[in-house]
Amino acid sequence: MGLGMTMGAHLAPRARSFIEEADTVFVAASDPLVELWVQQMHDDVRSLQPYYAEGKSRNESYEQMVDAMLELVRAGRRVCGAFYGHPGVFACVPHRAIDRARSEGFDAVMEAAVSAEDCLYADLGIDPGTYGCQHYEASQFMMYRRKIDPTAFLVLWQVGVAGDSTLSRLGTGAAHRKILLEILSSDYPSDHLVTMYEAATLPLAPPRIESIPLNELVDADLGGQTTLVVPPSRPMELNPEVASRLKELEA
């Protein structure tokens, strides 16, 4: 289940019931205070954060998290995994845990929750239906050939580790960002304003909303929670042929 992004504000009643009715709760939150808050709701809450380490492959960490949860499931315990944001959005551990549990004959469900994407639309005033949105994980965006539509929003997630092919770094630097900038420069001018966004995780903390010219991205302060939002750089282009055919159908 998901905790939402802002502590206490996004936890739905059904999600809270999963925590309260579980035998053991595993929690992965973006802020230590959020984990302390979850611990107040249950006597047996175990953090998944210790499985992360600098220089350790995140895939190895993810597998260890899944193993820890499944070990108790196999022992007959009712296990709840509490993940910040939405448990199915940029969170492979919940997906892997559910798939493995089901393959072994156990009941497993995922409960939807407020994600960083939901907060992004609200905080930045973006309606994805106006121009459309393209969402990519930053490293994947860099490593594979993608066709960018500069008439729509481009949202790059986990930009703080953009270009990390080892899956072991907690952050990348200027050399990696220069490559990302080169890719983006094919479709966006150097002075195009982009926004560094981080959703609020504590009730009294504001979200991070900081706009800079694209050419300043290399030296920008990008953390593990930073999302890069690139607005459209040119207007949408009408397809006259299709528009004409649709008008004929309406007539």
Protein backbone atom coordinates (compact mmCIF):
# COMPACT_ATOMS: atom_id res chain seq x y z
CA MET A 1 0.00 0.00 0.00
CA GLY A 2 1.01 3.61 -0.44
CA LEU A 3 1.52 6.26 2.22
CA GLY A 4 1.08 9.10 -0.24
CA MET A 5 3.66 11.86 -0.43
CA THR A 6 2.83 14.17 2.49
CA MET A 7 2.91 12.55 5.93
CA GLY A 8 -0.57 12.09 7.34
CA ALA A 9 -2.31 14.03 4.59
CA HIS A 10 -2.60 11.33 1.94
CA LEU A 11 -3.14 8.12 3.92
CA ALA A 12 -6.55 6.72 2.94
CA PRO A 13 -8.72 4.83 5.49
CA ARG A 14 -8.40 1.51 3.63
CA ALA A 15 -4.61 1.88 3.48
CA ARG A 16 -4.47 2.63 7.20
CA SER A 17 -6.50 -0.50 7.89
CA PHE A 18 -3.91 -2.62 6.06
CA ILE A 19 -1.24 -1.32 8.43
CA GLU A 20 -3.34 -1.81 11.55
CA GLU A 21 -4.48 -5.34 10.64
CA ALA A 22 -1.08 -6.68 9.56
CA ASP A 23 1.12 -8.91 11.70
CA THR A 24 4.24 -7.17 10.41
CA VAL A 25 4.67 -3.90 8.51
CA PHE A 26 7.68 -3.18 6.28
CA VAL A 27 8.11 0.51 5.51
CA ALA A 28 10.09 2.40 2.87
CA ALA A 29 9.73 6.15 3.22
CA SER A 30 11.60 9.15 1.85
CA ASP A 31 11.93 10.78 5.28
CA PRO A 32 12.88 9.24 8.67
CA LEU A 33 10.02 11.16 10.30
CA VAL A 34 7.55 9.35 8.05
CA GLU A 35 8.90 6.00 9.22
CA LEU A 36 8.56 7.10 12.85
CA TRP A 37 4.96 8.09 12.13
CA VAL A 38 4.21 4.62 10.70
CA GLN A 39 5.79 3.02 13.76
CA GLN A 40 3.17 4.75 15.91
CA MET A 41 0.46 2.82 14.09
CA HIS A 42 1.83 -0.69 14.71
CA ASP A 43 4.00 -2.61 17.18
CA ASP A 44 6.05 -4.46 14.54
CA VAL A 45 7.32 -2.03 11.90
CA ARG A 46 10.56 -2.82 10.07
CA SER A 47 12.41 -0.32 7.88
CA LEU A 48 13.59 -1.32 4.42
CA GLN A 49 16.05 1.59 4.20
CA PRO A 50 19.03 -0.36 5.69
CA TYR A 51 19.11 -2.51 2.56
CA TYR A 52 20.40 0.50 0.59
CA ALA A 53 24.12 1.35 0.61
CA GLU A 54 26.50 3.48 -1.46
CA GLY A 55 28.21 1.29 -4.06
CA LYS A 56 25.65 -1.50 -3.68
CA SER A 57 23.50 -2.35 -6.66
CA ARG A 58 19.92 -1.22 -6.15
CA ASN A 59 18.75 -4.45 -7.78
CA GLU A 60 20.49 -6.38 -5.00
CA SER A 61 18.80 -4.17 -2.41
CA TYR A 62 15.41 -4.67 -4.04
CA GLU A 63 15.77 -8.45 -4.06
CA GLN A 64 16.73 -8.46 -0.38
CA MET A 65 13.65 -6.39 0.45
CA VAL A 66 11.38 -8.78 -1.42
CA ASP A 67 13.03 -11.77 0.28
CA ALA A 68 12.55 -10.21 3.72
CA MET A 69 8.83 -9.73 3.15
CA LEU A 70 8.24 -13.10 1.50
CA GLU A 71 10.06 -14.92 4.29
CA LEU A 72 7.36 -13.83 6.73
CA VAL A 73 4.56 -14.48 4.24
CA ARG A 74 5.75 -18.07 3.92
CA ALA A 75 5.78 -18.31 7.70
CA GLY A 76 2.05 -17.58 7.71
CA ARG A 77 2.15 -13.93 8.77
CA ARG A 78 -0.04 -11.20 7.31
CA VAL A 79 2.49 -8.77 5.83
CA CYS A 80 1.96 -5.16 4.79
CA GLY A 81 4.48 -3.24 2.71
CA ALA A 82 4.06 0.50 3.26
CA PHE A 83 5.79 2.56 0.55
CA TYR A 84 5.87 6.33 0.16
CA GLY A 85 3.85 7.72 -2.71
CA HIS A 86 2.03 5.19 -4.88
CA PRO A 87 3.35 1.63 -4.37
CA GLY A 88 3.25 0.89 -8.09
CA VAL A 89 4.89 4.06 -9.42
CA PHE A 90 8.70 3.98 -9.68
CA ALA A 91 8.71 1.24 -7.06
CA CYS A 92 9.67 -2.17 -8.35
CA VAL A 93 9.77 -3.90 -4.94
CA PRO A 94 5.98 -3.93 -4.46
CA HIS A 95 5.48 -5.31 -7.97
CA ARG A 96 8.10 -8.01 -7.47
CA ALA A 97 6.79 -8.95 -4.03
CA ILE A 98 3.20 -9.26 -5.26
CA ASP A 99 4.20 -11.28 -8.33
CA ARG A 100 6.31 -13.66 -6.27
CA ALA A 101 3.67 -14.08 -3.58
CA ARG A 102 0.99 -14.86 -6.14
CA SER A 103 3.24 -17.30 -7.98
CA GLU A 104 3.66 -19.18 -4.70
CA GLY A 105 -0.08 -19.33 -4.13
CA PHE A 106 -0.51 -16.49 -1.62
CA ASP A 107 -3.09 -13.71 -1.81
CA ALA A 108 -1.50 -10.33 -2.56
CA VAL A 109 -3.00 -6.97 -3.51
CA MET A 110 -1.79 -3.46 -4.29
CA GLU A 111 -3.65 -0.46 -2.90
CA ALA A 112 -3.43 2.74 -4.97
CA ALA A 113 -2.30 6.00 -3.38
CA VAL A 114 -1.28 9.60 -4.09
CA SER A 115 1.96 9.67 -6.08
CA ALA A 116 4.59 12.31 -6.76
CA GLU A 117 3.06 12.64 -10.22
CA ASP A 118 -0.31 13.58 -8.70
CA CYS A 119 1.38 16.20 -6.53
CA LEU A 120 3.33 17.51 -9.51
CA TYR A 121 0.16 18.24 -11.49
CA ALA A 122 -1.36 20.08 -8.51
CA ASP A 123 1.73 22.01 -7.44
CA LEU A 124 2.78 23.09 -10.95
CA GLY A 125 -0.75 23.68 -12.24
CA ILE A 126 -0.36 21.23 -15.12
CA ASP A 127 -3.32 19.49 -16.73
CA PRO A 128 -1.89 16.55 -18.70
CA GLY A 129 -4.91 16.71 -21.00
CA THR A 130 -4.00 20.17 -22.31
CA TYR A 131 -0.77 19.40 -24.16
CA GLY A 132 -0.01 15.82 -23.14
CA CYS A 133 2.83 14.49 -21.00
CA GLN A 134 5.78 12.20 -21.66
CA HIS A 135 7.17 10.46 -18.59
CA TYR A 136 10.53 8.69 -18.52
CA GLU A 137 13.03 7.52 -15.95
CA ALA A 138 16.03 9.75 -16.67
CA SER A 139 18.70 7.08 -17.13
CA GLN A 140 16.45 4.97 -19.35
CA PHE A 141 15.63 8.08 -21.36
CA MET A 142 19.34 8.65 -21.94
CA MET A 143 20.30 5.08 -22.79
CA TYR A 144 17.55 4.29 -25.28
CA ARG A 145 16.41 6.03 -28.43
CA ARG A 146 13.27 8.02 -27.65
CA LYS A 147 11.24 10.26 -29.92
CA ILE A 148 10.64 13.48 -28.01
CA ASP A 149 7.52 15.50 -28.77
CA PRO A 150 8.51 19.09 -27.90
CA THR A 151 4.87 20.20 -28.15
CA ALA A 152 4.06 18.23 -24.95
CA PHE A 153 5.48 18.27 -21.42
CA LEU A 154 8.53 16.08 -20.83
CA VAL A 155 8.89 14.74 -17.27
CA LEU A 156 12.17 13.04 -16.31
CA TRP A 157 12.12 11.11 -13.03
CA GLN A 158 15.11 10.37 -10.81
CA VAL A 159 17.18 12.96 -12.64
CA GLY A 160 19.61 13.11 -9.71
CA VAL A 161 21.03 9.72 -10.79
CA ALA A 162 20.65 10.36 -14.52
CA GLY A 163 23.01 8.20 -16.54
CA ASP A 164 23.91 5.77 -13.75
CA SER A 165 24.32 2.44 -15.55
CA THR A 166 25.70 0.68 -12.45
CA LEU A 167 22.50 1.08 -10.36
CA SER A 168 24.80 1.58 -7.38
CA ARG A 169 25.28 5.37 -7.16
CA LEU A 170 23.24 7.65 -4.95
CA GLY A 171 23.86 10.49 -7.40
CA THR A 172 25.64 11.42 -10.62
CA GLY A 173 27.44 14.61 -11.55
CA ALA A 174 28.24 17.14 -14.25
CA ALA A 175 29.70 14.67 -16.76
CA HIS A 176 26.46 12.64 -16.85
CA ARG A 177 24.30 15.75 -17.02
CA LYS A 178 26.26 17.12 -19.97
CA ILE A 179 25.17 14.07 -21.93
CA LEU A 180 21.56 14.58 -20.86
CA LEU A 181 21.83 18.24 -21.89
CA GLU A 182 23.15 17.24 -25.31
CA ILE A 183 20.14 14.98 -25.84
CA LEU A 184 17.66 17.65 -24.77
CA SER A 185 19.39 20.38 -26.81
CA SER A 186 18.23 18.71 -30.01
CA ASP A 187 14.64 19.73 -29.24
CA TYR A 188 14.87 22.60 -26.77
CA PRO A 189 16.73 25.96 -26.92
CA SER A 190 19.49 26.53 -24.36
CA ASP A 191 17.51 29.24 -22.55
CA HIS A 192 14.33 27.15 -22.32
CA LEU A 193 13.05 27.27 -18.74
CA VAL A 194 12.81 23.89 -17.00
CA THR A 195 11.60 23.15 -13.48
CA MET A 196 13.23 21.10 -10.74
CA TYR A 197 10.41 19.65 -8.67
CA GLU A 198 10.23 17.74 -5.39
CA ALA A 199 6.90 16.97 -3.71
CA ALA A 200 6.48 17.91 -0.06
CA THR A 201 6.85 15.00 2.36
CA LEU A 202 6.09 16.85 5.62
CA PRO A 203 2.87 18.82 6.29
CA LEU A 204 4.60 22.17 6.97
CA ALA A 205 7.25 21.83 4.26
CA PRO A 206 6.61 23.40 0.84
CA PRO A 207 7.35 21.53 -2.38
CA ARG A 208 10.52 22.41 -4.23
CA ILE A 209 9.66 24.34 -7.39
CA GLU A 210 12.74 25.93 -8.94
CA SER A 211 12.99 27.02 -12.57
CA ILE A 212 16.28 27.47 -14.41
CA PRO A 213 17.40 27.82 -18.05
CA LEU A 214 18.13 24.44 -19.58
CA ASN A 215 21.83 25.31 -20.05
CA GLU A 216 22.24 25.60 -16.24
CA LEU A 217 21.17 21.99 -15.69
CA VAL A 218 24.76 20.69 -15.54
CA ASP A 219 25.55 22.55 -12.31
CA ALA A 220 22.09 22.39 -10.76
CA ASP A 221 21.36 20.90 -7.33
CA LEU A 222 19.67 17.61 -8.18
CA GLY A 223 18.84 15.15 -5.42
CA GLY A 224 17.40 11.67 -5.22
CA GLN A 225 13.82 12.99 -5.16
CA THR A 226 14.24 15.61 -7.91
CA THR A 227 12.05 15.43 -11.00
CA LEU A 228 12.83 17.53 -14.06
CA VAL A 229 9.84 19.05 -15.84
CA VAL A 230 10.43 20.39 -19.35
CA PRO A 231 7.50 22.46 -20.73
CA PRO A 232 6.63 22.44 -24.43
CA SER A 233 9.02 24.44 -26.57
CA ARG A 234 6.68 24.97 -29.49
CA PRO A 235 2.92 24.85 -30.17
CA MET A 236 1.06 21.77 -31.28
CA GLU A 237 0.73 21.33 -35.05
CA LEU A 238 -2.69 20.62 -36.51
CA ASN A 239 -3.01 17.65 -38.85
CA PRO A 240 -5.21 19.23 -41.57
CA GLU A 241 -5.99 15.97 -43.35
CA VAL A 242 -7.26 14.22 -40.24
CA ALA A 243 -9.10 17.32 -39.04
CA SER A 244 -10.87 17.57 -42.41
CA ARG A 245 -11.91 13.91 -42.35
CA LEU A 246 -13.30 14.26 -38.84
CA LYS A 247 -15.34 17.32 -39.88
CA GLU A 248 -16.78 15.32 -42.76
CA LEU A 249 -17.87 12.61 -40.34
CA GLU A 250 -19.56 15.18 -38.11
CA ALA A 251 -21.39 16.66 -41.11
